[in-house]
Amino acid sequence: MINKTNFTDLVSQLSQFGSASIYEAQGARGALDSGMKPLCSSMQVFGSAFTVDIRPGDNLMLHYALLHVQPGDVLVVDAKRFVEAGPWGDILTEQAIKKGVAGLVINGAVRDVQTIKALGFPVFCQGISIKGTAKKQLGKINVPICIGDTLINPGDFIFGDADGVVVVPRQDIATVLQETQLREKTEENYREIIKGGGSTVDLLGLQDTLKRLQLM
């Protein structure tokens, strides 16, 4: 059985790999859609998902969520991909940093981008909007949410970088770490073979496919 200390170490080890490698290693599962990008390419995030379900054009539940989020959590917000208003901005970012939040992943838009970048707070979003939001509508925290076709449960782990964002179910962390390490070793071997004159066609066994398509 994995204790809390060992579990934290597993997550830290997995965070050293790219999101694309993690996605491939867990069977090409868990990637959020391609529209989810960091505000700048150098941003990286990992941590336990604190999920928030909000109404489009309203950010009341984000203010509420920041009363309950724990240090190291990643706020994962389903704003229904509404990008004509930015429910997250500089003031919420300041409070998130004070609370020790690891970052934000929002299926929607943000604003005050220059300030967020200057603060160094990792934000992954679908867009940017100058428009503000209301603070009136009820939502939910710490419930399962879907972003695109990916289910995210509270406590699942989020890994994000310039390639995008991938979700790893909490119970799969040890297995996914092992598979990611194996995949990285395989790819490192590929690189060495290619440097020595080998080809990806040989390494990936593509000869039969190319022959069938009359390309060889």
N, C-alpha and C. Protein backbone atom coordinates (compact mmCIF):
# COMPACT_ATOMS: atom_id res chain seq x y z
N MET A 1 0.84 -1.20 0.00
CA MET A 1 0.00 0.00 0.00
C MET A 1 0.88 1.25 0.00
N ILE A 2 0.52 2.23 -0.81
CA ILE A 2 1.33 3.45 -0.94
C ILE A 2 0.94 4.44 0.14
N ASN A 3 1.91 4.87 0.98
CA ASN A 3 1.59 5.88 1.98
C ASN A 3 1.68 7.26 1.37
N LYS A 4 1.29 8.27 2.15
CA LYS A 4 1.20 9.63 1.62
C LYS A 4 2.54 10.15 1.13
N THR A 5 3.61 9.87 1.88
CA THR A 5 4.94 10.36 1.48
C THR A 5 5.38 9.74 0.16
N ASN A 6 5.21 8.42 0.05
CA ASN A 6 5.58 7.75 -1.18
C ASN A 6 4.73 8.21 -2.35
N PHE A 7 3.45 8.44 -2.08
CA PHE A 7 2.54 8.89 -3.13
C PHE A 7 2.98 10.25 -3.66
N THR A 8 3.33 11.16 -2.77
CA THR A 8 3.80 12.49 -3.17
C THR A 8 5.06 12.37 -4.02
N ASP A 9 5.93 11.44 -3.67
CA ASP A 9 7.17 11.23 -4.43
C ASP A 9 6.86 10.71 -5.83
N LEU A 10 5.88 9.80 -5.94
CA LEU A 10 5.49 9.27 -7.26
C LEU A 10 4.99 10.40 -8.16
N VAL A 11 4.16 11.26 -7.61
CA VAL A 11 3.61 12.38 -8.39
C VAL A 11 4.73 13.32 -8.83
N SER A 12 5.66 13.60 -7.91
CA SER A 12 6.80 14.47 -8.24
C SER A 12 7.64 13.86 -9.35
N GLN A 13 7.87 12.55 -9.28
CA GLN A 13 8.64 11.88 -10.34
C GLN A 13 7.93 11.97 -11.68
N LEU A 14 6.62 11.75 -11.67
CA LEU A 14 5.85 11.79 -12.93
C LEU A 14 5.85 13.19 -13.53
N SER A 15 5.91 14.21 -12.68
CA SER A 15 5.90 15.59 -13.17
C SER A 15 7.15 15.95 -13.95
N GLN A 16 8.19 15.12 -13.86
CA GLN A 16 9.42 15.40 -14.59
C GLN A 16 9.31 15.05 -16.07
N PHE A 17 8.24 14.35 -16.44
CA PHE A 17 8.04 13.96 -17.83
C PHE A 17 7.03 14.90 -18.49
N GLY A 18 7.10 14.98 -19.82
CA GLY A 18 6.19 15.83 -20.56
C GLY A 18 4.77 15.28 -20.58
N SER A 19 3.82 16.19 -20.74
CA SER A 19 2.41 15.78 -20.76
C SER A 19 2.12 14.80 -21.89
N ALA A 20 2.77 14.97 -23.04
CA ALA A 20 2.54 14.07 -24.17
C ALA A 20 3.01 12.66 -23.85
N SER A 21 4.15 12.54 -23.18
CA SER A 21 4.66 11.23 -22.79
C SER A 21 3.73 10.54 -21.80
N ILE A 22 3.22 11.31 -20.84
CA ILE A 22 2.29 10.75 -19.87
C ILE A 22 1.02 10.27 -20.56
N TYR A 23 0.51 11.08 -21.47
CA TYR A 23 -0.70 10.74 -22.23
C TYR A 23 -0.50 9.44 -23.00
N GLU A 24 0.60 9.32 -23.71
CA GLU A 24 0.86 8.11 -24.49
C GLU A 24 1.06 6.90 -23.57
N ALA A 25 1.74 7.11 -22.46
CA ALA A 25 2.06 6.00 -21.56
C ALA A 25 0.82 5.41 -20.91
N GLN A 26 -0.23 6.22 -20.74
CA GLN A 26 -1.44 5.66 -20.13
C GLN A 26 -2.48 5.27 -21.19
N GLY A 27 -1.95 4.92 -22.38
CA GLY A 27 -2.83 4.37 -23.41
C GLY A 27 -3.57 5.41 -24.21
N ALA A 28 -2.92 6.56 -24.45
CA ALA A 28 -3.52 7.66 -25.21
C ALA A 28 -4.86 8.07 -24.60
N ARG A 29 -4.86 8.23 -23.30
CA ARG A 29 -6.06 8.66 -22.57
C ARG A 29 -5.73 9.87 -21.70
N GLY A 30 -6.76 10.65 -21.38
CA GLY A 30 -6.65 11.69 -20.38
C GLY A 30 -6.28 13.07 -20.86
N ALA A 31 -6.04 13.25 -22.16
CA ALA A 31 -5.66 14.57 -22.65
C ALA A 31 -6.89 15.48 -22.76
N LEU A 32 -6.75 16.71 -22.30
CA LEU A 32 -7.78 17.71 -22.56
C LEU A 32 -7.65 18.19 -24.00
N ASP A 33 -8.69 18.80 -24.54
CA ASP A 33 -8.68 19.13 -25.96
C ASP A 33 -7.61 20.15 -26.31
N SER A 34 -7.30 20.24 -27.59
CA SER A 34 -6.14 21.00 -28.04
C SER A 34 -6.27 22.50 -27.83
N GLY A 35 -7.47 22.97 -27.52
CA GLY A 35 -7.65 24.39 -27.25
C GLY A 35 -7.14 24.82 -25.89
N MET A 36 -6.86 23.87 -25.02
CA MET A 36 -6.41 24.18 -23.67
C MET A 36 -4.90 24.42 -23.68
N LYS A 37 -4.51 25.69 -23.63
CA LYS A 37 -3.10 26.06 -23.76
C LYS A 37 -2.65 26.96 -22.61
N PRO A 38 -1.36 26.93 -22.28
CA PRO A 38 -0.84 27.83 -21.25
C PRO A 38 -0.78 29.26 -21.76
N LEU A 39 -0.86 30.21 -20.83
CA LEU A 39 -0.77 31.62 -21.22
C LEU A 39 0.59 31.94 -21.83
N CYS A 40 1.64 31.23 -21.40
CA CYS A 40 2.93 31.32 -22.08
C CYS A 40 3.56 29.94 -22.05
N SER A 41 4.38 29.66 -23.05
CA SER A 41 4.84 28.30 -23.28
C SER A 41 5.71 27.74 -22.16
N SER A 42 6.28 28.61 -21.34
CA SER A 42 7.14 28.14 -20.26
C SER A 42 6.37 27.65 -19.03
N MET A 43 5.07 27.90 -19.01
CA MET A 43 4.28 27.51 -17.84
C MET A 43 4.13 26.00 -17.74
N GLN A 44 4.29 25.50 -16.52
CA GLN A 44 4.08 24.09 -16.21
C GLN A 44 3.27 24.00 -14.92
N VAL A 45 2.47 22.94 -14.82
CA VAL A 45 1.68 22.76 -13.61
C VAL A 45 1.50 21.28 -13.33
N PHE A 46 1.47 20.93 -12.05
CA PHE A 46 1.04 19.60 -11.65
C PHE A 46 0.49 19.67 -10.23
N GLY A 47 -0.45 18.80 -9.96
CA GLY A 47 -1.04 18.76 -8.63
C GLY A 47 -2.38 18.07 -8.65
N SER A 48 -2.95 17.95 -7.47
CA SER A 48 -4.23 17.30 -7.29
C SER A 48 -5.37 18.22 -7.73
N ALA A 49 -6.33 17.67 -8.46
CA ALA A 49 -7.43 18.47 -9.00
C ALA A 49 -8.45 18.85 -7.93
N PHE A 50 -8.67 20.15 -7.81
CA PHE A 50 -9.79 20.68 -7.03
C PHE A 50 -10.78 21.18 -8.06
N THR A 51 -11.86 20.44 -8.27
CA THR A 51 -12.75 20.73 -9.39
C THR A 51 -13.81 21.77 -9.02
N VAL A 52 -14.16 22.58 -10.02
CA VAL A 52 -15.17 23.63 -9.84
C VAL A 52 -16.06 23.67 -11.07
N ASP A 53 -17.35 23.60 -10.86
CA ASP A 53 -18.34 23.69 -11.95
C ASP A 53 -19.02 25.04 -11.84
N ILE A 54 -18.82 25.92 -12.84
CA ILE A 54 -19.42 27.25 -12.79
C ILE A 54 -20.33 27.48 -13.99
N ARG A 55 -21.18 28.48 -13.87
CA ARG A 55 -22.06 28.87 -14.97
C ARG A 55 -21.30 29.81 -15.91
N PRO A 56 -21.55 29.72 -17.21
CA PRO A 56 -20.91 30.65 -18.15
C PRO A 56 -21.21 32.11 -17.78
N GLY A 57 -20.16 32.93 -17.76
CA GLY A 57 -20.34 34.35 -17.49
C GLY A 57 -20.53 34.68 -16.02
N ASP A 58 -20.20 33.75 -15.13
CA ASP A 58 -20.36 34.00 -13.69
C ASP A 58 -19.20 33.35 -12.94
N ASN A 59 -18.63 34.07 -11.95
CA ASN A 59 -17.47 33.52 -11.25
C ASN A 59 -17.66 33.41 -9.74
N LEU A 60 -18.91 33.45 -9.26
CA LEU A 60 -19.17 33.36 -7.83
C LEU A 60 -18.48 32.15 -7.20
N MET A 61 -18.57 30.99 -7.87
CA MET A 61 -18.05 29.76 -7.28
C MET A 61 -16.52 29.71 -7.24
N LEU A 62 -15.87 30.54 -8.03
CA LEU A 62 -14.41 30.63 -7.94
C LEU A 62 -14.01 31.33 -6.65
N HIS A 63 -14.74 32.36 -6.28
CA HIS A 63 -14.48 33.03 -5.01
C HIS A 63 -14.72 32.07 -3.85
N TYR A 64 -15.78 31.28 -3.96
CA TYR A 64 -16.10 30.29 -2.93
C TYR A 64 -15.04 29.19 -2.88
N ALA A 65 -14.62 28.72 -4.04
CA ALA A 65 -13.62 27.65 -4.10
C ALA A 65 -12.33 28.04 -3.40
N LEU A 66 -11.94 29.30 -3.53
CA LEU A 66 -10.69 29.75 -2.92
C LEU A 66 -10.75 29.78 -1.40
N LEU A 67 -11.93 29.62 -0.84
CA LEU A 67 -12.04 29.48 0.62
C LEU A 67 -11.72 28.05 1.06
N HIS A 68 -11.78 27.10 0.12
CA HIS A 68 -11.67 25.68 0.48
C HIS A 68 -10.47 24.97 -0.14
N VAL A 69 -9.88 25.52 -1.17
CA VAL A 69 -8.76 24.87 -1.86
C VAL A 69 -7.57 24.73 -0.91
N GLN A 70 -6.78 23.66 -1.13
CA GLN A 70 -5.63 23.39 -0.27
C GLN A 70 -4.32 23.68 -1.01
N PRO A 71 -3.24 23.98 -0.28
CA PRO A 71 -1.95 24.20 -0.93
C PRO A 71 -1.55 23.01 -1.80
N GLY A 72 -1.07 23.31 -3.00
CA GLY A 72 -0.67 22.26 -3.94
C GLY A 72 -1.76 21.80 -4.87
N ASP A 73 -3.01 22.19 -4.59
CA ASP A 73 -4.11 21.83 -5.49
C ASP A 73 -4.03 22.62 -6.79
N VAL A 74 -4.56 22.02 -7.85
CA VAL A 74 -4.78 22.72 -9.11
C VAL A 74 -6.28 22.95 -9.26
N LEU A 75 -6.67 24.19 -9.42
CA LEU A 75 -8.09 24.49 -9.68
C LEU A 75 -8.42 24.07 -11.11
N VAL A 76 -9.37 23.16 -11.25
CA VAL A 76 -9.79 22.69 -12.56
C VAL A 76 -11.25 23.09 -12.73
N VAL A 77 -11.49 24.03 -13.63
CA VAL A 77 -12.78 24.72 -13.70
C VAL A 77 -13.48 24.44 -15.02
N ASP A 78 -14.71 23.97 -14.92
CA ASP A 78 -15.53 23.82 -16.12
C ASP A 78 -16.42 25.04 -16.27
N ALA A 79 -16.02 25.94 -17.19
CA ALA A 79 -16.81 27.13 -17.51
C ALA A 79 -17.55 26.94 -18.82
N LYS A 80 -17.74 25.68 -19.21
CA LYS A 80 -18.54 25.31 -20.39
C LYS A 80 -17.97 25.87 -21.69
N ARG A 81 -16.67 26.07 -21.70
CA ARG A 81 -15.94 26.58 -22.86
C ARG A 81 -16.45 27.96 -23.32
N PHE A 82 -17.04 28.70 -22.41
CA PHE A 82 -17.52 30.06 -22.72
C PHE A 82 -16.34 31.01 -22.67
N VAL A 83 -16.05 31.67 -23.80
CA VAL A 83 -14.86 32.52 -23.87
C VAL A 83 -15.20 33.99 -24.13
N GLU A 84 -16.46 34.37 -23.94
CA GLU A 84 -16.84 35.77 -24.13
C GLU A 84 -16.86 36.55 -22.83
N ALA A 85 -16.28 35.98 -21.80
CA ALA A 85 -16.04 36.68 -20.54
C ALA A 85 -14.94 35.94 -19.80
N GLY A 86 -14.18 36.68 -18.99
CA GLY A 86 -13.07 36.08 -18.25
C GLY A 86 -13.36 36.00 -16.77
N PRO A 87 -13.80 34.84 -16.27
CA PRO A 87 -14.13 34.71 -14.86
C PRO A 87 -12.92 34.71 -13.92
N TRP A 88 -11.73 34.64 -14.49
CA TRP A 88 -10.50 34.64 -13.67
C TRP A 88 -9.61 35.79 -14.08
N GLY A 89 -9.07 36.52 -13.09
CA GLY A 89 -8.18 37.63 -13.39
C GLY A 89 -7.12 37.81 -12.33
N ASP A 90 -6.58 39.02 -12.23
CA ASP A 90 -5.41 39.25 -11.38
C ASP A 90 -5.70 39.15 -9.89
N ILE A 91 -6.87 39.59 -9.44
CA ILE A 91 -7.17 39.56 -8.01
C ILE A 91 -7.32 38.12 -7.52
N LEU A 92 -8.05 37.31 -8.28
CA LEU A 92 -8.17 35.90 -7.91
C LEU A 92 -6.81 35.21 -7.96
N THR A 93 -5.97 35.62 -8.89
CA THR A 93 -4.63 35.05 -8.97
C THR A 93 -3.83 35.37 -7.71
N GLU A 94 -3.91 36.60 -7.25
CA GLU A 94 -3.21 36.98 -6.02
C GLU A 94 -3.66 36.12 -4.84
N GLN A 95 -4.97 35.90 -4.73
CA GLN A 95 -5.48 35.10 -3.63
C GLN A 95 -5.05 33.64 -3.77
N ALA A 96 -5.07 33.12 -5.01
CA ALA A 96 -4.65 31.73 -5.25
C ALA A 96 -3.19 31.53 -4.85
N ILE A 97 -2.34 32.47 -5.19
CA ILE A 97 -0.92 32.38 -4.82
C ILE A 97 -0.78 32.38 -3.30
N LYS A 98 -1.52 33.27 -2.63
CA LYS A 98 -1.48 33.34 -1.17
C LYS A 98 -1.90 32.03 -0.54
N LYS A 99 -2.85 31.34 -1.17
CA LYS A 99 -3.35 30.06 -0.66
C LYS A 99 -2.46 28.88 -1.03
N GLY A 100 -1.46 29.10 -1.87
CA GLY A 100 -0.56 28.02 -2.27
C GLY A 100 -1.09 27.15 -3.38
N VAL A 101 -2.05 27.67 -4.16
CA VAL A 101 -2.61 26.93 -5.29
C VAL A 101 -1.52 26.74 -6.35
N ALA A 102 -1.47 25.53 -6.92
CA ALA A 102 -0.41 25.22 -7.88
C ALA A 102 -0.66 25.80 -9.26
N GLY A 103 -1.92 26.04 -9.61
CA GLY A 103 -2.23 26.59 -10.92
C GLY A 103 -3.71 26.49 -11.22
N LEU A 104 -4.07 26.94 -12.41
CA LEU A 104 -5.47 26.96 -12.86
C LEU A 104 -5.57 26.31 -14.23
N VAL A 105 -6.55 25.43 -14.37
CA VAL A 105 -6.94 24.89 -15.67
C VAL A 105 -8.42 25.21 -15.83
N ILE A 106 -8.77 26.03 -16.82
CA ILE A 106 -10.15 26.47 -16.96
C ILE A 106 -10.67 26.25 -18.37
N ASN A 107 -11.80 25.59 -18.45
CA ASN A 107 -12.47 25.36 -19.73
C ASN A 107 -13.28 26.61 -20.06
N GLY A 108 -12.55 27.69 -20.30
CA GLY A 108 -13.14 28.99 -20.52
C GLY A 108 -12.02 30.00 -20.71
N ALA A 109 -12.31 31.26 -20.41
CA ALA A 109 -11.35 32.35 -20.66
C ALA A 109 -10.85 32.98 -19.36
N VAL A 110 -9.76 33.73 -19.49
CA VAL A 110 -9.24 34.53 -18.38
C VAL A 110 -8.95 35.93 -18.91
N ARG A 111 -8.65 36.84 -17.98
CA ARG A 111 -8.21 38.18 -18.38
C ARG A 111 -7.09 38.64 -17.45
N ASP A 112 -6.64 39.88 -17.61
CA ASP A 112 -5.48 40.41 -16.86
C ASP A 112 -4.24 39.54 -17.12
N VAL A 113 -4.06 39.18 -18.36
CA VAL A 113 -3.03 38.21 -18.74
C VAL A 113 -1.62 38.68 -18.40
N GLN A 114 -1.30 39.92 -18.68
CA GLN A 114 0.06 40.41 -18.43
C GLN A 114 0.42 40.31 -16.95
N THR A 115 -0.54 40.65 -16.09
CA THR A 115 -0.28 40.58 -14.65
C THR A 115 -0.11 39.14 -14.20
N ILE A 116 -0.95 38.25 -14.70
CA ILE A 116 -0.84 36.83 -14.34
C ILE A 116 0.52 36.28 -14.75
N LYS A 117 0.96 36.64 -15.96
CA LYS A 117 2.27 36.19 -16.41
C LYS A 117 3.37 36.73 -15.51
N ALA A 118 3.27 38.01 -15.16
CA ALA A 118 4.29 38.62 -14.31
C ALA A 118 4.34 37.96 -12.93
N LEU A 119 3.20 37.51 -12.45
CA LEU A 119 3.15 36.84 -11.15
C LEU A 119 3.67 35.41 -11.22
N GLY A 120 3.79 34.88 -12.43
CA GLY A 120 4.31 33.53 -12.60
C GLY A 120 3.35 32.43 -12.21
N PHE A 121 2.05 32.72 -12.23
CA PHE A 121 1.04 31.73 -11.84
C PHE A 121 0.62 30.93 -13.07
N PRO A 122 0.78 29.60 -13.05
CA PRO A 122 0.45 28.80 -14.24
C PRO A 122 -1.05 28.79 -14.53
N VAL A 123 -1.41 29.20 -15.73
CA VAL A 123 -2.81 29.21 -16.16
C VAL A 123 -2.91 28.55 -17.53
N PHE A 124 -3.82 27.59 -17.62
CA PHE A 124 -4.14 26.92 -18.88
C PHE A 124 -5.60 27.18 -19.16
N CYS A 125 -5.91 27.69 -20.36
CA CYS A 125 -7.27 28.12 -20.64
C CYS A 125 -7.61 27.95 -22.12
N GLN A 126 -8.88 28.18 -22.44
CA GLN A 126 -9.36 28.08 -23.82
C GLN A 126 -9.27 29.41 -24.56
N GLY A 127 -9.13 30.51 -23.83
CA GLY A 127 -9.09 31.80 -24.52
C GLY A 127 -8.88 32.94 -23.54
N ILE A 128 -8.88 34.15 -24.09
CA ILE A 128 -8.69 35.38 -23.32
C ILE A 128 -9.84 36.33 -23.66
N SER A 129 -10.41 36.94 -22.62
CA SER A 129 -11.50 37.89 -22.85
C SER A 129 -11.36 39.08 -21.92
N ILE A 130 -11.55 40.26 -22.47
CA ILE A 130 -11.50 41.49 -21.68
C ILE A 130 -12.73 41.65 -20.78
N LYS A 131 -13.80 40.95 -21.11
CA LYS A 131 -15.08 41.15 -20.43
C LYS A 131 -15.11 40.50 -19.04
N GLY A 132 -15.81 41.18 -18.12
CA GLY A 132 -15.98 40.67 -16.76
C GLY A 132 -17.20 39.77 -16.63
N THR A 133 -17.40 39.26 -15.43
CA THR A 133 -18.50 38.32 -15.18
C THR A 133 -19.35 38.77 -13.99
N ALA A 134 -20.54 38.17 -13.89
CA ALA A 134 -21.41 38.37 -12.72
C ALA A 134 -20.93 37.49 -11.57
N LYS A 135 -21.54 37.70 -10.41
CA LYS A 135 -21.21 36.92 -9.21
C LYS A 135 -22.51 36.56 -8.51
N LYS A 136 -23.33 35.75 -9.19
CA LYS A 136 -24.68 35.50 -8.70
C LYS A 136 -25.09 34.03 -8.71
N GLN A 137 -24.50 33.22 -9.59
CA GLN A 137 -25.07 31.91 -9.85
C GLN A 137 -24.38 30.77 -9.09
N LEU A 138 -25.21 29.87 -8.60
CA LEU A 138 -24.74 28.72 -7.87
C LEU A 138 -24.03 27.74 -8.80
N GLY A 139 -22.99 27.12 -8.29
CA GLY A 139 -22.30 26.05 -8.99
C GLY A 139 -21.92 24.97 -8.00
N LYS A 140 -20.87 24.21 -8.28
CA LYS A 140 -20.47 23.12 -7.40
C LYS A 140 -18.95 23.05 -7.30
N ILE A 141 -18.47 22.57 -6.16
CA ILE A 141 -17.05 22.30 -6.00
C ILE A 141 -16.84 20.83 -5.65
N ASN A 142 -15.67 20.32 -6.02
CA ASN A 142 -15.29 18.95 -5.71
C ASN A 142 -16.33 17.93 -6.16
N VAL A 143 -16.71 18.05 -7.43
CA VAL A 143 -17.59 17.08 -8.08
C VAL A 143 -16.92 16.63 -9.37
N PRO A 144 -17.28 15.45 -9.89
CA PRO A 144 -16.74 15.05 -11.20
C PRO A 144 -17.18 16.04 -12.28
N ILE A 145 -16.25 16.42 -13.14
CA ILE A 145 -16.57 17.29 -14.27
C ILE A 145 -16.00 16.67 -15.54
N CYS A 146 -16.53 17.10 -16.67
CA CYS A 146 -16.00 16.67 -17.96
C CYS A 146 -15.53 17.88 -18.73
N ILE A 147 -14.31 17.82 -19.24
CA ILE A 147 -13.81 18.83 -20.16
C ILE A 147 -13.57 18.11 -21.48
N GLY A 148 -14.37 18.44 -22.48
CA GLY A 148 -14.37 17.66 -23.71
C GLY A 148 -14.88 16.28 -23.39
N ASP A 149 -14.12 15.25 -23.76
CA ASP A 149 -14.53 13.88 -23.46
C ASP A 149 -13.72 13.28 -22.32
N THR A 150 -13.07 14.13 -21.54
CA THR A 150 -12.24 13.65 -20.44
C THR A 150 -12.90 13.91 -19.09
N LEU A 151 -13.11 12.84 -18.34
CA LEU A 151 -13.67 12.93 -17.00
C LEU A 151 -12.56 13.27 -16.01
N ILE A 152 -12.84 14.23 -15.13
CA ILE A 152 -11.89 14.62 -14.09
C ILE A 152 -12.60 14.51 -12.75
N ASN A 153 -12.08 13.65 -11.91
CA ASN A 153 -12.62 13.50 -10.56
C ASN A 153 -11.79 14.30 -9.57
N PRO A 154 -12.41 14.81 -8.51
CA PRO A 154 -11.62 15.47 -7.48
C PRO A 154 -10.51 14.55 -6.98
N GLY A 155 -9.29 15.07 -6.89
CA GLY A 155 -8.17 14.26 -6.43
C GLY A 155 -7.39 13.58 -7.53
N ASP A 156 -7.93 13.56 -8.76
CA ASP A 156 -7.11 13.11 -9.89
C ASP A 156 -5.93 14.06 -10.05
N PHE A 157 -4.92 13.62 -10.79
CA PHE A 157 -3.75 14.48 -10.93
C PHE A 157 -3.64 15.10 -12.31
N ILE A 158 -3.26 16.37 -12.29
CA ILE A 158 -3.17 17.20 -13.48
C ILE A 158 -1.70 17.46 -13.79
N PHE A 159 -1.33 17.29 -15.07
CA PHE A 159 0.02 17.61 -15.53
C PHE A 159 -0.11 18.46 -16.79
N GLY A 160 0.46 19.65 -16.77
CA GLY A 160 0.34 20.54 -17.92
C GLY A 160 1.66 21.19 -18.29
N ASP A 161 1.87 21.37 -19.59
CA ASP A 161 3.05 22.07 -20.10
C ASP A 161 2.71 22.64 -21.46
N ALA A 162 3.71 22.98 -22.24
CA ALA A 162 3.47 23.63 -23.53
C ALA A 162 2.67 22.77 -24.50
N ASP A 163 2.70 21.45 -24.34
CA ASP A 163 1.94 20.57 -25.22
C ASP A 163 0.46 20.52 -24.87
N GLY A 164 0.11 20.81 -23.63
CA GLY A 164 -1.28 20.74 -23.21
C GLY A 164 -1.40 20.17 -21.81
N VAL A 165 -2.58 19.63 -21.52
CA VAL A 165 -2.90 19.14 -20.17
C VAL A 165 -3.38 17.70 -20.24
N VAL A 166 -2.88 16.87 -19.31
CA VAL A 166 -3.32 15.49 -19.23
C VAL A 166 -3.75 15.20 -17.79
N VAL A 167 -4.76 14.35 -17.66
CA VAL A 167 -5.31 13.96 -16.36
C VAL A 167 -4.96 12.50 -16.10
N VAL A 168 -4.45 12.22 -14.91
CA VAL A 168 -4.15 10.84 -14.50
C VAL A 168 -5.01 10.50 -13.29
N PRO A 169 -5.85 9.48 -13.39
CA PRO A 169 -6.65 9.07 -12.22
C PRO A 169 -5.75 8.77 -11.04
N ARG A 170 -6.18 9.19 -9.89
CA ARG A 170 -5.36 9.07 -8.68
C ARG A 170 -4.86 7.64 -8.46
N GLN A 171 -5.75 6.67 -8.67
CA GLN A 171 -5.39 5.28 -8.40
C GLN A 171 -4.39 4.72 -9.40
N ASP A 172 -4.15 5.43 -10.51
CA ASP A 172 -3.26 4.93 -11.57
C ASP A 172 -1.86 5.52 -11.53
N ILE A 173 -1.58 6.38 -10.55
CA ILE A 173 -0.31 7.11 -10.55
C ILE A 173 0.91 6.19 -10.63
N ALA A 174 0.97 5.16 -9.81
CA ALA A 174 2.14 4.28 -9.79
C ALA A 174 2.32 3.57 -11.12
N THR A 175 1.22 3.05 -11.68
CA THR A 175 1.29 2.35 -12.96
C THR A 175 1.70 3.27 -14.09
N VAL A 176 1.11 4.47 -14.13
CA VAL A 176 1.42 5.42 -15.20
C VAL A 176 2.87 5.88 -15.11
N LEU A 177 3.37 6.07 -13.89
CA LEU A 177 4.78 6.44 -13.74
C LEU A 177 5.67 5.36 -14.32
N GLN A 178 5.39 4.12 -14.00
CA GLN A 178 6.19 3.01 -14.51
C GLN A 178 6.15 2.95 -16.03
N GLU A 179 4.95 3.09 -16.60
CA GLU A 179 4.80 3.03 -18.06
C GLU A 179 5.48 4.22 -18.73
N THR A 180 5.43 5.37 -18.11
CA THR A 180 6.09 6.56 -18.68
C THR A 180 7.60 6.40 -18.66
N GLN A 181 8.13 5.87 -17.58
CA GLN A 181 9.58 5.62 -17.51
C GLN A 181 10.02 4.64 -18.59
N LEU A 182 9.24 3.58 -18.80
CA LEU A 182 9.57 2.61 -19.84
C LEU A 182 9.52 3.25 -21.22
N ARG A 183 8.51 4.08 -21.45
CA ARG A 183 8.38 4.75 -22.75
C ARG A 183 9.55 5.69 -23.01
N GLU A 184 9.97 6.40 -21.99
CA GLU A 184 11.09 7.32 -22.15
C GLU A 184 12.39 6.56 -22.47
N LYS A 185 12.58 5.42 -21.83
CA LYS A 185 13.76 4.60 -22.12
C LYS A 185 13.74 4.11 -23.56
N THR A 186 12.57 3.70 -24.03
CA THR A 186 12.43 3.24 -25.41
C THR A 186 12.75 4.36 -26.39
N GLU A 187 12.23 5.55 -26.12
CA GLU A 187 12.47 6.67 -27.03
C GLU A 187 13.93 7.13 -27.00
N GLU A 188 14.56 7.04 -25.85
CA GLU A 188 15.98 7.38 -25.77
C GLU A 188 16.80 6.40 -26.61
N ASN A 189 16.40 5.13 -26.58
CA ASN A 189 17.07 4.13 -27.41
C ASN A 189 16.86 4.43 -28.89
N TYR A 190 15.64 4.85 -29.25
CA TYR A 190 15.35 5.24 -30.64
C TYR A 190 16.27 6.38 -31.08
N ARG A 191 16.45 7.36 -30.21
CA ARG A 191 17.29 8.51 -30.57
C ARG A 191 18.72 8.07 -30.87
N GLU A 192 19.22 7.17 -30.04
CA GLU A 192 20.59 6.70 -30.25
C GLU A 192 20.71 5.92 -31.57
N ILE A 193 19.71 5.11 -31.88
CA ILE A 193 19.74 4.35 -33.13
C ILE A 193 19.67 5.29 -34.33
N ILE A 194 18.83 6.32 -34.25
CA ILE A 194 18.70 7.28 -35.35
C ILE A 194 20.00 8.05 -35.53
N LYS A 195 20.64 8.43 -34.43
CA LYS A 195 21.93 9.12 -34.52
C LYS A 195 22.97 8.24 -35.20
N GLY A 196 22.80 6.92 -35.08
CA GLY A 196 23.71 5.99 -35.71
C GLY A 196 23.34 5.63 -37.13
N GLY A 197 22.29 6.27 -37.67
CA GLY A 197 21.90 6.04 -39.06
C GLY A 197 20.64 5.25 -39.25
N GLY A 198 20.00 4.83 -38.18
CA GLY A 198 18.74 4.09 -38.29
C GLY A 198 17.59 4.98 -38.72
N SER A 199 16.44 4.35 -39.03
CA SER A 199 15.27 5.11 -39.49
C SER A 199 14.05 4.78 -38.65
N THR A 200 13.13 5.72 -38.59
CA THR A 200 11.88 5.47 -37.88
C THR A 200 11.04 4.40 -38.57
N VAL A 201 11.19 4.26 -39.87
CA VAL A 201 10.46 3.21 -40.59
C VAL A 201 10.85 1.84 -40.04
N ASP A 202 12.14 1.62 -39.84
CA ASP A 202 12.60 0.35 -39.28
C ASP A 202 12.21 0.21 -37.81
N LEU A 203 12.40 1.25 -37.04
CA LEU A 203 12.13 1.19 -35.61
C LEU A 203 10.66 0.92 -35.31
N LEU A 204 9.77 1.50 -36.11
CA LEU A 204 8.34 1.37 -35.87
C LEU A 204 7.69 0.28 -36.71
N GLY A 205 8.50 -0.44 -37.48
CA GLY A 205 7.97 -1.54 -38.28
C GLY A 205 6.95 -1.10 -39.32
N LEU A 206 7.28 -0.05 -40.05
CA LEU A 206 6.34 0.53 -41.02
C LEU A 206 6.52 0.00 -42.45
N GLN A 207 7.43 -0.94 -42.62
CA GLN A 207 7.72 -1.41 -43.99
C GLN A 207 6.48 -1.99 -44.66
N ASP A 208 5.75 -2.86 -43.96
CA ASP A 208 4.59 -3.51 -44.57
C ASP A 208 3.52 -2.50 -44.97
N THR A 209 3.31 -1.51 -44.12
CA THR A 209 2.31 -0.48 -44.44
C THR A 209 2.73 0.31 -45.67
N LEU A 210 4.00 0.69 -45.74
CA LEU A 210 4.48 1.44 -46.90
C LEU A 210 4.41 0.60 -48.18
N LYS A 211 4.69 -0.71 -48.06
CA LYS A 211 4.58 -1.59 -49.22
C LYS A 211 3.13 -1.71 -49.68
N ARG A 212 2.23 -1.84 -48.71
CA ARG A 212 0.80 -1.97 -49.06
C ARG A 212 0.30 -0.74 -49.79
N LEU A 213 0.84 0.42 -49.43
CA LEU A 213 0.44 1.68 -50.07
C LEU A 213 1.32 2.00 -51.27
N GLN A 214 2.16 1.00 -51.67
CA GLN A 214 3.02 1.11 -52.84
C GLN A 214 3.99 2.29 -52.73
N LEU A 215 4.47 2.48 -51.52
CA LEU A 215 5.46 3.52 -51.29
C LEU A 215 6.87 2.94 -51.14
N MET A 216 6.96 1.62 -51.19
CA MET A 216 8.26 0.95 -51.15
C MET A 216 8.28 -0.13 -52.21
